[in-house]
PDB file of N, CA and C in Angstrom:
ATOM      1  N   UNK A   1      -2.719  -2.372  17.183  1.00  0.00           N
ATOM      2  CA  UNK A   1      -2.035  -2.402  16.101  1.00  0.00           C
ATOM      3  C   UNK A   1      -3.077  -3.235  15.461  1.00  0.00           C
ATOM      4  N   UNK A   2      -4.131  -4.042  16.150  1.00  0.00           N
ATOM      5  CA  UNK A   2      -4.945  -4.838  15.464  1.00  0.00           C
ATOM      6  C   UNK A   2      -5.975  -4.145  14.233  1.00  0.00           C
ATOM      7  N   UNK A   3      -6.101  -2.405  14.950  1.00  0.00           N
ATOM      8  CA  UNK A   3      -7.339  -1.919  13.809  1.00  0.00           C
ATOM      9  C   UNK A   3      -6.160  -2.007  12.595  1.00  0.00           C
ATOM     10  N   UNK A   4      -4.865  -1.550  12.403  1.00  0.00           N
ATOM     11  CA  UNK A   4      -4.064  -0.979  11.228  1.00  0.00           C
ATOM     12  C   UNK A   4      -4.010  -2.042  10.522  1.00  0.00           C
ATOM     13  N   UNK A   5      -3.926  -3.515  11.390  1.00  0.00           N
ATOM     14  CA  UNK A   5      -3.685  -4.862  10.627  1.00  0.00           C
ATOM     15  C   UNK A   5      -4.703  -4.659   9.522  1.00  0.00           C
ATOM     16  N   UNK A   6      -6.038  -4.709  10.102  1.00  0.00           N
ATOM     17  CA  UNK A   6      -7.332  -4.881   9.521  1.00  0.00           C
ATOM     18  C   UNK A   6      -7.262  -3.585   8.332  1.00  0.00           C
ATOM     19  N   UNK A   7      -7.256  -2.544   8.374  1.00  0.00           N
ATOM     20  CA  UNK A   7      -6.950  -2.012   7.376  1.00  0.00           C
ATOM     21  C   UNK A   7      -6.284  -1.981   6.539  1.00  0.00           C
ATOM     22  N   UNK A   8      -4.709  -3.118   6.936  1.00  0.00           N
ATOM     23  CA  UNK A   8      -3.592  -2.933   5.634  1.00  0.00           C
ATOM     24  C   UNK A   8      -4.529  -4.612   4.866  1.00  0.00           C
ATOM     25  N   UNK A   9      -4.731  -5.083   5.869  1.00  0.00           N
ATOM     26  CA  UNK A   9      -5.603  -6.537   5.288  1.00  0.00           C
ATOM     27  C   UNK A   9      -6.674  -5.849   3.898  1.00  0.00           C
ATOM     28  N   UNK A  10      -7.715  -5.213   4.478  1.00  0.00           N
ATOM     29  CA  UNK A  10      -8.145  -4.488   3.144  1.00  0.00           C
ATOM     30  C   UNK A  10      -7.382  -3.396   2.039  1.00  0.00           C
ATOM     31  N   UNK A  11      -6.831  -3.139   2.525  1.00  0.00           N
ATOM     32  CA  UNK A  11      -5.517  -2.909   1.345  1.00  0.00           C
ATOM     33  C   UNK A  11      -5.133  -3.325   0.240  1.00  0.00           C
ATOM     34  N   UNK A  12      -4.788  -4.500   1.117  1.00  0.00           N
ATOM     35  CA  UNK A  12      -3.725  -5.501   0.594  1.00  0.00           C
ATOM     36  C   UNK A  12      -5.040  -6.508  -0.351  1.00  0.00           C
ATOM     37  N   UNK A  13      -6.286  -6.354   0.110  1.00  0.00           N
ATOM     38  CA  UNK A  13      -7.033  -7.572  -1.359  1.00  0.00           C
ATOM     39  C   UNK A  13      -6.984  -6.885  -2.198  1.00  0.00           C
ATOM     40  N   UNK A  14      -7.642  -5.060  -1.766  1.00  0.00           N
ATOM     41  CA  UNK A  14      -7.936  -4.653  -2.760  1.00  0.00           C
ATOM     42  C   UNK A  14      -7.015  -4.588  -4.274  1.00  0.00           C
ATOM     43  N   UNK A  15      -5.510  -4.421  -3.609  1.00  0.00           N
ATOM     44  CA  UNK A  15      -4.726  -4.280  -4.589  1.00  0.00           C
ATOM     45  C   UNK A  15      -4.649  -5.901  -5.413  1.00  0.00           C
ATOM     46  N   UNK A  16      -4.763  -6.644  -4.480  1.00  0.00           N
ATOM     47  CA  UNK A  16      -4.634  -8.092  -5.481  1.00  0.00           C
ATOM     48  C   UNK A  16      -5.748  -8.109  -6.419  1.00  0.00           C
ATOM     49  N   UNK A  17      -7.088  -7.782  -5.896  1.00  0.00           N
ATOM     50  CA  UNK A  17      -8.385  -7.936  -6.586  1.00  0.00           C
ATOM     51  C   UNK A  17      -7.802  -7.186  -8.137  1.00  0.00           C
ATOM     52  N   UNK A  18      -7.111  -6.685  -8.398  1.00  0.00           N
ATOM     53  CA  UNK A  18      -6.297  -5.665 -10.044  1.00  0.00           C
ATOM     54  C   UNK A  18      -5.600  -6.383  -9.992  1.00  0.00           C
ATOM     55  N   UNK A  19      -5.094  -7.486  -9.544  1.00  0.00           N
ATOM     56  CA  UNK A  19      -3.838  -7.767  -9.786  1.00  0.00           C
ATOM     57  C   UNK A  19      -2.212  -7.093 -10.200  1.00  0.00           C
ATOM     58  N   UNK A  20      -2.482  -6.501  -8.629  1.00  0.00           N
ATOM     59  CA  UNK A  20      -1.575  -5.918  -8.315  1.00  0.00           C
ATOM     60  C   UNK A  20      -0.127  -6.930  -8.358  1.00  0.00           C
ATOM     61  N   UNK A  21       1.318  -6.169  -8.805  1.00  0.00           N
ATOM     62  CA  UNK A  21       2.371  -7.260  -8.480  1.00  0.00           C
ATOM     63  C   UNK A  21       3.344  -7.320  -7.398  1.00  0.00           C
ATOM     64  N   UNK A  22       3.498  -8.411  -6.666  1.00  0.00           N
ATOM     65  CA  UNK A  22       4.788  -8.504  -5.673  1.00  0.00           C
ATOM     66  C   UNK A  22       3.912  -7.371  -4.488  1.00  0.00           C
ATOM     67  N   UNK A  23       2.727  -7.198  -3.825  1.00  0.00           N
ATOM     68  CA  UNK A  23       2.168  -6.879  -2.963  1.00  0.00           C
ATOM     69  C   UNK A  23       3.101  -7.310  -1.790  1.00  0.00           C
ATOM     70  N   UNK A  24       3.418  -5.830  -0.980  1.00  0.00           N
ATOM     71  CA  UNK A  24       4.419  -6.735  -0.067  1.00  0.00           C
ATOM     72  C   UNK A  24       4.244  -5.748   0.909  1.00  0.00           C
ATOM     73  N   UNK A  25       4.281  -6.435   2.462  1.00  0.00           N
ATOM     74  CA  UNK A  25       3.509  -5.298   3.733  1.00  0.00           C
ATOM     75  C   UNK A  25       5.024  -5.025   4.239  1.00  0.00           C
ATOM     76  N   UNK A  26       5.093  -3.816   5.413  1.00  0.00           N
ATOM     77  CA  UNK A  26       6.441  -4.072   6.177  1.00  0.00           C
ATOM     78  C   UNK A  26       5.526  -3.232   7.044  1.00  0.00           C
ATOM     79  N   UNK A  27       5.550  -4.150   8.869  1.00  0.00           N
ATOM     80  CA  UNK A  27       5.308  -3.323   9.623  1.00  0.00           C
ATOM     81  C   UNK A  27       6.723  -2.263   9.956  1.00  0.00           C
ATOM     82  N   UNK A  28       6.167  -1.155  10.209  1.00  0.00           N
ATOM     83  CA  UNK A  28       7.164   0.051  10.238  1.00  0.00           C
ATOM     84  C   UNK A  28       6.674   0.469  11.915  1.00  0.00           C
ATOM     85  N   UNK A  29       6.012   0.032  12.723  1.00  0.00           N
ATOM     86  CA  UNK A  29       5.368   0.545  13.675  1.00  0.00           C
ATOM     87  C   UNK A  29       6.593   0.612  15.005  1.00  0.00           C
ATOM     88  N   UNK A  30       7.777  -0.185  14.732  1.00  0.00           N
ATOM     89  CA  UNK A  30       8.942  -0.026  15.642  1.00  0.00           C
ATOM     90  C   UNK A  30      10.328   0.987  15.230  1.00  0.00           C
ATOM     91  N   UNK A  31      10.067   1.002  14.077  1.00  0.00           N
ATOM     92  CA  UNK A  31      11.169   2.137  13.626  1.00  0.00           C
ATOM     93  C   UNK A  31      10.903   3.065  13.291  1.00  0.00           C
ATOM     94  N   UNK A  32       9.248   3.287  13.241  1.00  0.00           N
ATOM     95  CA  UNK A  32       8.693   5.037  12.517  1.00  0.00           C
ATOM     96  C   UNK A  32       7.676   5.486  13.486  1.00  0.00           C
ATOM     97  N   UNK A  33       7.309   6.503  13.269  1.00  0.00           N
ATOM     98  CA  UNK A  33       6.176   7.147  14.212  1.00  0.00           C
ATOM     99  C   UNK A  33       4.987   7.782  12.220  1.00  0.00           C
ATOM    100  N   UNK A  34       5.389   7.441  11.110  1.00  0.00           N
ATOM    101  CA  UNK A  34       5.019   7.511  10.206  1.00  0.00           C
ATOM    102  C   UNK A  34       3.597   6.743  10.100  1.00  0.00           C
ATOM    103  N   UNK A  35       3.679   5.571  10.400  1.00  0.00           N
ATOM    104  CA  UNK A  35       2.337   4.601  10.399  1.00  0.00           C
ATOM    105  C   UNK A  35       3.109   3.313  10.612  1.00  0.00           C
ATOM    106  N   UNK A  36       2.151   2.428  10.764  1.00  0.00           N
ATOM    107  CA  UNK A  36       2.337   0.747  11.630  1.00  0.00           C
ATOM    108  C   UNK A  36       3.035   0.162  10.496  1.00  0.00           C
ATOM    109  N   UNK A  37       2.141   0.393   8.884  1.00  0.00           N
ATOM    110  CA  UNK A  37       2.424  -0.350   7.621  1.00  0.00           C
ATOM    111  C   UNK A  37       2.859   0.584   6.730  1.00  0.00           C
ATOM    112  N   UNK A  38       3.607  -0.224   6.019  1.00  0.00           N
ATOM    113  CA  UNK A  38       3.677   0.394   4.146  1.00  0.00           C
ATOM    114  C   UNK A  38       3.464  -0.689   3.405  1.00  0.00           C
ATOM    115  N   UNK A  39       2.487  -0.366   2.702  1.00  0.00           N
ATOM    116  CA  UNK A  39       2.398  -1.692   1.972  1.00  0.00           C
ATOM    117  C   UNK A  39       2.343  -1.157   0.803  1.00  0.00           C
ATOM    118  N   UNK A  40       3.119  -1.844  -0.413  1.00  0.00           N
ATOM    119  CA  UNK A  40       3.913  -1.909  -1.753  1.00  0.00           C
ATOM    120  C   UNK A  40       3.507  -2.560  -2.775  1.00  0.00           C
ATOM    121  N   UNK A  41       3.032  -2.068  -3.687  1.00  0.00           N
ATOM    122  CA  UNK A  41       2.744  -3.080  -4.452  1.00  0.00           C
ATOM    123  C   UNK A  41       2.835  -2.155  -6.162  1.00  0.00           C
ATOM    124  N   UNK A  42       2.869  -2.812  -7.246  1.00  0.00           N
ATOM    125  CA  UNK A  42       3.546  -2.287  -8.604  1.00  0.00           C
ATOM    126  C   UNK A  42       2.280  -2.823  -9.836  1.00  0.00           C
ATOM    127  N   UNK A  43       1.998  -1.904 -10.636  1.00  0.00           N
ATOM    128  CA  UNK A  43       1.132  -2.283 -11.575  1.00  0.00           C
ATOM    129  C   UNK A  43       1.746  -2.383 -13.252  1.00  0.00           C
ATOM    130  N   UNK A  44       1.239  -3.004 -13.950  1.00  0.00           N
ATOM    131  CA  UNK A  44       2.046  -2.951 -15.035  1.00  0.00           C
ATOM    132  C   UNK A  44       1.905  -1.663 -16.003  1.00  0.00           C
ATOM    133  N   UNK A  45       0.994  -1.196 -15.712  1.00  0.00           N
ATOM    134  CA  UNK A  45       0.697   0.486 -17.097  1.00  0.00           C
ATOM    135  C   UNK A  45       0.272   1.573 -16.146  1.00  0.00           C
ATOM    136  N   UNK A  46       0.353   2.437 -16.546  1.00  0.00           N
ATOM    137  CA  UNK A  46      -0.346   3.706 -15.449  1.00  0.00           C
ATOM    138  C   UNK A  46      -2.125   3.643 -15.361  1.00  0.00           C
ATOM    139  N   UNK A  47      -2.883   2.538 -16.324  1.00  0.00           N
ATOM    140  CA  UNK A  47      -4.071   2.369 -15.968  1.00  0.00           C
ATOM    141  C   UNK A  47      -4.352   1.308 -15.019  1.00  0.00           C
ATOM    142  N   UNK A  48      -3.299   0.664 -14.904  1.00  0.00           N
ATOM    143  CA  UNK A  48      -3.673  -0.667 -14.039  1.00  0.00           C
ATOM    144  C   UNK A  48      -2.997   0.161 -12.475  1.00  0.00           C
ATOM    145  N   UNK A  49      -2.094   0.639 -12.458  1.00  0.00           N
ATOM    146  CA  UNK A  49      -1.819   1.549 -11.537  1.00  0.00           C
ATOM    147  C   UNK A  49      -2.579   2.712 -10.997  1.00  0.00           C
ATOM    148  N   UNK A  50      -3.500   3.574 -11.542  1.00  0.00           N
ATOM    149  CA  UNK A  50      -4.980   4.073 -11.663  1.00  0.00           C
ATOM    150  C   UNK A  50      -5.855   2.979 -10.686  1.00  0.00           C
ATOM    151  N   UNK A  51      -5.919   2.117 -11.700  1.00  0.00           N
ATOM    152  CA  UNK A  51      -7.570   0.989 -11.269  1.00  0.00           C
ATOM    153  C   UNK A  51      -7.027   0.457  -9.859  1.00  0.00           C
ATOM    154  N   UNK A  52      -5.549   0.043  -9.743  1.00  0.00           N
ATOM    155  CA  UNK A  52      -5.352  -0.736  -8.226  1.00  0.00           C
ATOM    156  C   UNK A  52      -5.794   0.786  -6.822  1.00  0.00           C
ATOM    157  N   UNK A  53      -5.474   1.621  -6.866  1.00  0.00           N
ATOM    158  CA  UNK A  53      -5.542   2.914  -6.295  1.00  0.00           C
ATOM    159  C   UNK A  53      -7.331   2.933  -6.252  1.00  0.00           C
ATOM    160  N   UNK A  54      -7.733   2.853  -7.425  1.00  0.00           N
ATOM    161  CA  UNK A  54      -9.330   3.441  -7.201  1.00  0.00           C
ATOM    162  C   UNK A  54      -9.856   2.169  -6.133  1.00  0.00           C
ATOM    163  N   UNK A  55      -9.066   0.775  -6.878  1.00  0.00           N
ATOM    164  CA  UNK A  55      -9.875  -0.238  -5.627  1.00  0.00           C
ATOM    165  C   UNK A  55      -9.339   0.122  -4.549  1.00  0.00           C
ATOM    166  N   UNK A  56      -9.394   0.248  -4.077  1.00  0.00           N
ATOM    167  CA  UNK A  56      -8.182   0.424  -2.598  1.00  0.00           C
ATOM    168  C   UNK A  56      -9.193   1.712  -1.957  1.00  0.00           C
ATOM    169  N   UNK A  57      -8.934   2.623  -2.331  1.00  0.00           N
ATOM    170  CA  UNK A  57      -9.823   3.799  -1.648  1.00  0.00           C
ATOM    171  C   UNK A  57     -11.260   3.560  -1.923  1.00  0.00           C
ATOM    172  N   UNK A  58     -11.688   2.781  -2.991  1.00  0.00           N
ATOM    173  CA  UNK A  58     -13.583   2.247  -2.636  1.00  0.00           C
ATOM    174  C   UNK A  58     -13.420   1.166  -1.807  1.00  0.00           C
ATOM    175  N   UNK A  59     -12.687   0.467  -1.520  1.00  0.00           N
ATOM    176  CA  UNK A  59     -13.109  -0.592  -0.633  1.00  0.00           C
ATOM    177  C   UNK A  59     -12.673  -0.357   1.169  1.00  0.00           C
ATOM    178  N   UNK A  60     -11.642   0.544   1.248  1.00  0.00           N
ATOM    179  CA  UNK A  60     -11.365   1.690   2.344  1.00  0.00           C
ATOM    180  C   UNK A  60     -12.652   2.287   2.625  1.00  0.00           C
ATOM    181  N   UNK A  61     -13.045   2.982   1.792  1.00  0.00           N
ATOM    182  CA  UNK A  61     -14.416   3.791   2.365  1.00  0.00           C
ATOM    183  C   UNK A  61     -15.093   3.194   2.983  1.00  0.00           C
ATOM    184  N   UNK A  62     -15.718   1.882   2.017  1.00  0.00           N
ATOM    185  CA  UNK A  62     -16.909   0.660   2.439  1.00  0.00           C
ATOM    186  C   UNK A  62     -16.683   0.217   4.215  1.00  0.00           C
ATOM    187  N   UNK A  63     -15.696   0.068   4.528  1.00  0.00           N
ATOM    188  CA  UNK A  63     -15.227  -0.276   5.302  1.00  0.00           C
ATOM    189  C   UNK A  63     -15.385   1.187   6.624  1.00  0.00           C
ATOM    190  N   UNK A  64     -15.064   2.832   5.936  1.00  0.00           N
ATOM    191  CA  UNK A  64     -15.234   3.307   7.089  1.00  0.00           C
ATOM    192  C   UNK A  64     -14.104   4.304   6.961  1.00  0.00           C
ATOM    193  N   UNK A  65     -12.883   4.024   6.128  1.00  0.00           N
ATOM    194  CA  UNK A  65     -11.322   4.650   5.813  1.00  0.00           C
ATOM    195  C   UNK A  65     -11.710   5.482   5.190  1.00  0.00           C
ATOM    196  N   UNK A  66     -10.952   6.505   5.574  1.00  0.00           N
ATOM    197  CA  UNK A  66     -10.764   7.767   4.324  1.00  0.00           C
ATOM    198  C   UNK A  66      -9.364   7.932   4.499  1.00  0.00           C
ATOM    199  N   UNK A  67      -8.805   8.147   3.071  1.00  0.00           N
ATOM    200  CA  UNK A  67      -7.363   8.780   2.871  1.00  0.00           C
ATOM    201  C   UNK A  67      -7.118  10.193   3.447  1.00  0.00           C
ATOM    202  N   UNK A  68      -6.131  10.705   3.906  1.00  0.00           N
ATOM    203  CA  UNK A  68      -6.029  11.748   4.240  1.00  0.00           C
ATOM    204  C   UNK A  68      -5.364  12.871   3.360  1.00  0.00           C
ATOM    205  N   UNK A  69      -4.176  12.031   2.705  1.00  0.00           N
ATOM    206  CA  UNK A  69      -3.716  12.689   1.381  1.00  0.00           C
ATOM    207  C   UNK A  69      -3.487  11.872   0.117  1.00  0.00           C
ATOM    208  N   UNK A  70      -3.500  12.040  -1.108  1.00  0.00           N
ATOM    209  CA  UNK A  70      -2.901  10.995  -2.064  1.00  0.00           C
ATOM    210  C   UNK A  70      -2.254  11.752  -2.724  1.00  0.00           C
ATOM    211  N   UNK A  71      -1.155  11.022  -3.205  1.00  0.00           N
ATOM    212  CA  UNK A  71      -0.403  12.513  -4.379  1.00  0.00           C
ATOM    213  C   UNK A  71      -0.002  11.103  -5.762  1.00  0.00           C
ATOM    214  N   UNK A  72       0.261  11.902  -6.469  1.00  0.00           N
ATOM    215  CA  UNK A  72       0.986  10.915  -7.991  1.00  0.00           C
ATOM    216  C   UNK A  72      -0.206  10.565  -8.436  1.00  0.00           C
ATOM    217  N   UNK A  73      -1.455  10.492  -8.054  1.00  0.00           N
ATOM    218  CA  UNK A  73      -2.910   9.562  -9.193  1.00  0.00           C
ATOM    219  C   UNK A  73      -2.320  10.144 -10.910  1.00  0.00           C
ATOM    220  N   UNK A  74      -2.081  11.922 -10.959  1.00  0.00           N
ATOM    221  CA  UNK A  74      -2.424  11.410 -12.474  1.00  0.00           C
ATOM    222  C   UNK A  74      -0.777  11.163 -12.902  1.00  0.00           C
ATOM    223  N   UNK A  75      -0.159  11.397 -12.758  1.00  0.00           N
ATOM    224  CA  UNK A  75       1.314  10.498 -13.485  1.00  0.00           C
ATOM    225  C   UNK A  75       1.481   8.751 -13.494  1.00  0.00           C
ATOM    226  N   UNK A  76       0.761   8.260 -12.359  1.00  0.00           N
ATOM    227  CA  UNK A  76       0.486   7.134 -11.920  1.00  0.00           C
ATOM    228  C   UNK A  76       2.360   6.546 -11.842  1.00  0.00           C
ATOM    229  N   UNK A  77       2.933   6.706 -11.687  1.00  0.00           N
ATOM    230  CA  UNK A  77       4.094   6.349 -11.390  1.00  0.00           C
ATOM    231  C   UNK A  77       4.357   5.845 -10.165  1.00  0.00           C
ATOM    232  N   UNK A  78       4.211   6.759  -9.140  1.00  0.00           N
ATOM    233  CA  UNK A  78       4.159   6.882  -7.888  1.00  0.00           C
ATOM    234  C   UNK A  78       3.022   7.646  -7.025  1.00  0.00           C
ATOM    235  N   UNK A  79       2.088   6.164  -6.457  1.00  0.00           N
ATOM    236  CA  UNK A  79       1.014   7.002  -5.966  1.00  0.00           C
ATOM    237  C   UNK A  79       0.975   6.445  -4.203  1.00  0.00           C
ATOM    238  N   UNK A  80       0.805   7.460  -3.573  1.00  0.00           N
ATOM    239  CA  UNK A  80       0.606   7.675  -2.010  1.00  0.00           C
ATOM    240  C   UNK A  80      -0.938   7.382  -2.094  1.00  0.00           C
ATOM    241  N   UNK A  81      -0.782   7.304  -0.928  1.00  0.00           N
ATOM    242  CA  UNK A  81      -2.407   6.801  -0.541  1.00  0.00           C
ATOM    243  C   UNK A  81      -2.160   6.786   1.566  1.00  0.00           C
ATOM    244  N   UNK A  82      -2.242   7.714   1.937  1.00  0.00           N
ATOM    245  CA  UNK A  82      -1.921   8.175   3.658  1.00  0.00           C
ATOM    246  C   UNK A  82      -3.271   7.700   3.682  1.00  0.00           C
ATOM    247  N   UNK A  83      -3.499   6.910   5.087  1.00  0.00           N
ATOM    248  CA  UNK A  83      -4.493   6.371   5.537  1.00  0.00           C
ATOM    249  C   UNK A  83      -4.261   6.740   7.237  1.00  0.00           C
ATOM    250  N   UNK A  84      -2.736   7.903   7.631  1.00  0.00           N
ATOM    251  CA  UNK A  84      -2.305   7.578   9.006  1.00  0.00           C
ATOM    252  C   UNK A  84      -1.538   6.184   9.498  1.00  0.00           C
ATOM    253  N   UNK A  85      -2.223   4.916   9.802  1.00  0.00           N
ATOM    254  CA  UNK A  85      -1.927   3.878  10.056  1.00  0.00           C
ATOM    255  C   UNK A  85      -0.938   3.286   9.362  1.00  0.00           C
ATOM    256  N   UNK A  86      -1.463   3.460   8.220  1.00  0.00           N
ATOM    257  CA  UNK A  86      -1.334   3.161   6.985  1.00  0.00           C
ATOM    258  C   UNK A  86      -0.837   3.708   5.812  1.00  0.00           C
ATOM    259  N   UNK A  87       0.045   3.006   5.112  1.00  0.00           N
ATOM    260  CA  UNK A  87       0.541   4.174   3.725  1.00  0.00           C
ATOM    261  C   UNK A  87       0.555   3.212   2.519  1.00  0.00           C
ATOM    262  N   UNK A  88       0.008   2.880   2.006  1.00  0.00           N
ATOM    263  CA  UNK A  88      -0.181   2.788   0.794  1.00  0.00           C
ATOM    264  C   UNK A  88       0.355   3.152  -0.673  1.00  0.00           C
ATOM    265  N   UNK A  89       1.361   2.218  -1.015  1.00  0.00           N
ATOM    266  CA  UNK A  89       2.446   3.154  -2.309  1.00  0.00           C
ATOM    267  C   UNK A  89       2.018   1.862  -3.796  1.00  0.00           C
ATOM    268  N   UNK A  90       1.798   2.697  -4.288  1.00  0.00           N
ATOM    269  CA  UNK A  90       1.310   1.914  -5.181  1.00  0.00           C
ATOM    270  C   UNK A  90       2.169   2.625  -7.256  1.00  0.00           C
ATOM    271  N   UNK A  91       3.116   1.765  -7.274  1.00  0.00           N
ATOM    272  CA  UNK A  91       4.178   2.252  -8.263  1.00  0.00           C
ATOM    273  C   UNK A  91       4.044   1.282  -9.652  1.00  0.00           C
ATOM    274  N   UNK A  92       4.782   2.086 -10.837  1.00  0.00           N
ATOM    275  CA  UNK A  92       5.419   1.808 -12.045  1.00  0.00           C
ATOM    276  C   UNK A  92       6.385   0.616 -11.574  1.00  0.00           C
ATOM    277  N   UNK A  93       6.370  -0.611 -12.518  1.00  0.00           N
ATOM    278  CA  UNK A  93       7.227  -1.095 -12.056  1.00  0.00           C
ATOM    279  C   UNK A  93       9.080  -0.920 -12.342  1.00  0.00           C
ATOM    280  N   UNK A  94       8.790   0.410 -13.249  1.00  0.00           N
ATOM    281  CA  UNK A  94      10.715   0.682 -12.997  1.00  0.00           C
ATOM    282  C   UNK A  94      10.536   1.719 -11.830  1.00  0.00           C
ATOM    283  N   UNK A  95       9.489   2.406 -11.431  1.00  0.00           N
ATOM    284  CA  UNK A  95       9.555   3.464 -10.650  1.00  0.00           C
ATOM    285  C   UNK A  95       9.937   2.581  -8.747  1.00  0.00           C
ATOM    286  N   UNK A  96       9.392   1.400  -9.211  1.00  0.00           N
ATOM    287  CA  UNK A  96       9.716   0.712  -7.828  1.00  0.00           C
ATOM    288  C   UNK A  96      10.773  -0.358  -7.497  1.00  0.00           C
ATOM    289  N   UNK A  97      11.199  -0.223  -8.905  1.00  0.00           N
ATOM    290  CA  UNK A  97      12.595  -0.556  -8.615  1.00  0.00           C
ATOM    291  C   UNK A  97      13.835   0.533  -8.258  1.00  0.00           C
ATOM    292  N   UNK A  98      13.798   1.616  -9.091  1.00  0.00           N
ATOM    293  CA  UNK A  98      14.457   3.087  -9.117  1.00  0.00           C
ATOM    294  C   UNK A  98      14.196   3.253  -7.360  1.00  0.00           C
ATOM    295  N   UNK A  99      13.281   3.574  -6.930  1.00  0.00           N
ATOM    296  CA  UNK A  99      12.861   4.196  -5.349  1.00  0.00           C
ATOM    297  C   UNK A  99      13.253   3.314  -3.936  1.00  0.00           C
ATOM    298  N   UNK A 100      12.834   1.392  -4.556  1.00  0.00           N
ATOM    299  CA  UNK A 100      13.916   0.381  -3.223  1.00  0.00           C
ATOM    300  C   UNK A 100      13.309   0.824  -2.409  1.00  0.00           C
ATOM    301  N   UNK A 101      11.984   1.198  -1.877  1.00  0.00           N
ATOM    302  CA  UNK A 101      11.570   1.333  -1.029  1.00  0.00           C
ATOM    303  C   UNK A 101      11.438   0.110   0.674  1.00  0.00           C
ATOM    304  N   UNK A 102      11.672  -0.911   0.442  1.00  0.00           N
ATOM    305  CA  UNK A 102      11.941  -1.998   0.469  1.00  0.00           C
ATOM    306  C   UNK A 102      13.307  -2.336   0.949  1.00  0.00           C
ATOM    307  N   UNK A 103      13.753  -1.522   0.166  1.00  0.00           N
ATOM    308  CA  UNK A 103      15.394  -1.549   0.825  1.00  0.00           C
ATOM    309  C   UNK A 103      15.814  -0.058   1.889  1.00  0.00           C
ATOM    310  N   UNK A 104      15.100   0.689   1.681  1.00  0.00           N
ATOM    311  CA  UNK A 104      14.726   1.146   2.472  1.00  0.00           C
ATOM    312  C   UNK A 104      14.226   1.861   4.365  1.00  0.00           C
ATOM    313  N   UNK A 105      13.286   0.586   3.756  1.00  0.00           N
ATOM    314  CA  UNK A 105      12.710   0.724   4.834  1.00  0.00           C
ATOM    315  C   UNK A 105      12.746  -1.166   5.598  1.00  0.00           C
ATOM    316  N   UNK A 106      14.220  -1.699   5.119  1.00  0.00           N
ATOM    317  CA  UNK A 106      14.463  -3.097   5.601  1.00  0.00           C
ATOM    318  C   UNK A 106      14.794  -3.285   6.874  1.00  0.00           C
ATOM    319  N   UNK A 107      14.393  -1.740   7.797  1.00  0.00           N
ATOM    320  CA  UNK A 107      14.376  -2.329   9.344  1.00  0.00           C
ATOM    321  C   UNK A 107      13.480  -3.203   9.913  1.00  0.00           C
ATOM    322  N   UNK A 108      12.411  -2.659   8.947  1.00  0.00           N
ATOM    323  CA  UNK A 108      11.200  -2.593   9.292  1.00  0.00           C
ATOM    324  C   UNK A 108      10.558  -4.831   9.307  1.00  0.00           C
ATOM    325  N   UNK A 109       9.972  -4.890  10.113  1.00  0.00           N
ATOM    326  CA  UNK A 109       9.177  -6.429  10.012  1.00  0.00           C
ATOM    327  C   UNK A 109       8.365  -6.484   8.716  1.00  0.00           C
ATOM    328  N   UNK A 110       9.212  -7.339   7.525  1.00  0.00           N
ATOM    329  CA  UNK A 110       8.130  -7.897   6.452  1.00  0.00           C
ATOM    330  C   UNK A 110       7.013  -8.888   7.396  1.00  0.00           C
ATOM    331  N   UNK A 111       5.778  -8.716   6.697  1.00  0.00           N
ATOM    332  CA  UNK A 111       5.097  -9.535   7.029  1.00  0.00           C
ATOM    333  C   UNK A 111       3.933 -10.227   5.774  1.00  0.00           C
ATOM    334  N   UNK A 112       3.929 -11.408   6.108  1.00  0.00           N
ATOM    335  CA  UNK A 112       3.236 -11.763   4.755  1.00  0.00           C
ATOM    336  C   UNK A 112       1.672 -11.349   4.897  1.00  0.00           C
ATOM    337  N   UNK A 113       1.361 -11.297   3.614  1.00  0.00           N
ATOM    338  CA  UNK A 113      -0.440 -10.542   3.351  1.00  0.00           C
ATOM    339  C   UNK A 113      -1.056 -11.783   3.809  1.00  0.00           C
ATOM    340  N   UNK A 114      -0.533 -13.013   3.928  1.00  0.00           N
ATOM    341  CA  UNK A 114      -1.268 -14.201   4.697  1.00  0.00           C
ATOM    342  C   UNK A 114      -1.558 -14.165   5.867  1.00  0.00           C
ATOM    343  N   UNK A 115      -0.463 -13.152   6.739  1.00  0.00           N
ATOM    344  CA  UNK A 115      -0.741 -13.045   8.197  1.00  0.00           C
ATOM    345  C   UNK A 115      -2.186 -12.043   8.710  1.00  0.00           C
ATOM    346  N   UNK A 116      -2.198 -11.077   7.531  1.00  0.00           N
ATOM    347  CA  UNK A 116      -3.331 -10.133   8.273  1.00  0.00           C
ATOM    348  C   UNK A 116      -4.637 -10.492   8.242  1.00  0.00           C
ATOM    349  N   UNK A 117      -4.753 -11.815   7.529  1.00  0.00           N
ATOM    350  CA  UNK A 117      -6.293 -12.115   7.687  1.00  0.00           C
ATOM    351  C   UNK A 117      -6.359 -12.458   9.157  1.00  0.00           C
ATOM    352  N   UNK A 118      -5.692 -13.149   9.523  1.00  0.00           N
ATOM    353  CA  UNK A 118      -6.165 -13.781  10.604  1.00  0.00           C
ATOM    354  C   UNK A 118      -6.081 -13.020  12.071  1.00  0.00           C
TER     355      UNK A 118
END
């Protein structure tokens, strides 16, 4: 899990570097086999969403991690980056409210972004 915790920290920093809003981390390791962490954030507009995604990809690649799947980049309403151990969701503000992943995954453990750095 420490490996995925480090990955989550990199992704969160990359999102915050591009002014990602409401960066949320959910530890889903005990409730799902999909991944260890979901990272959720939103941007103000499609340009910001794409910039956030681009920065996550760049920073993760520098650290030696490559996504296995990317969905939604063209429309930039809900972009999903699957790194196996972590899944990064970057939304437009409206779509984040509509899909409400935090409610769906409420059985997971919400993690303070600062805890990932330790």
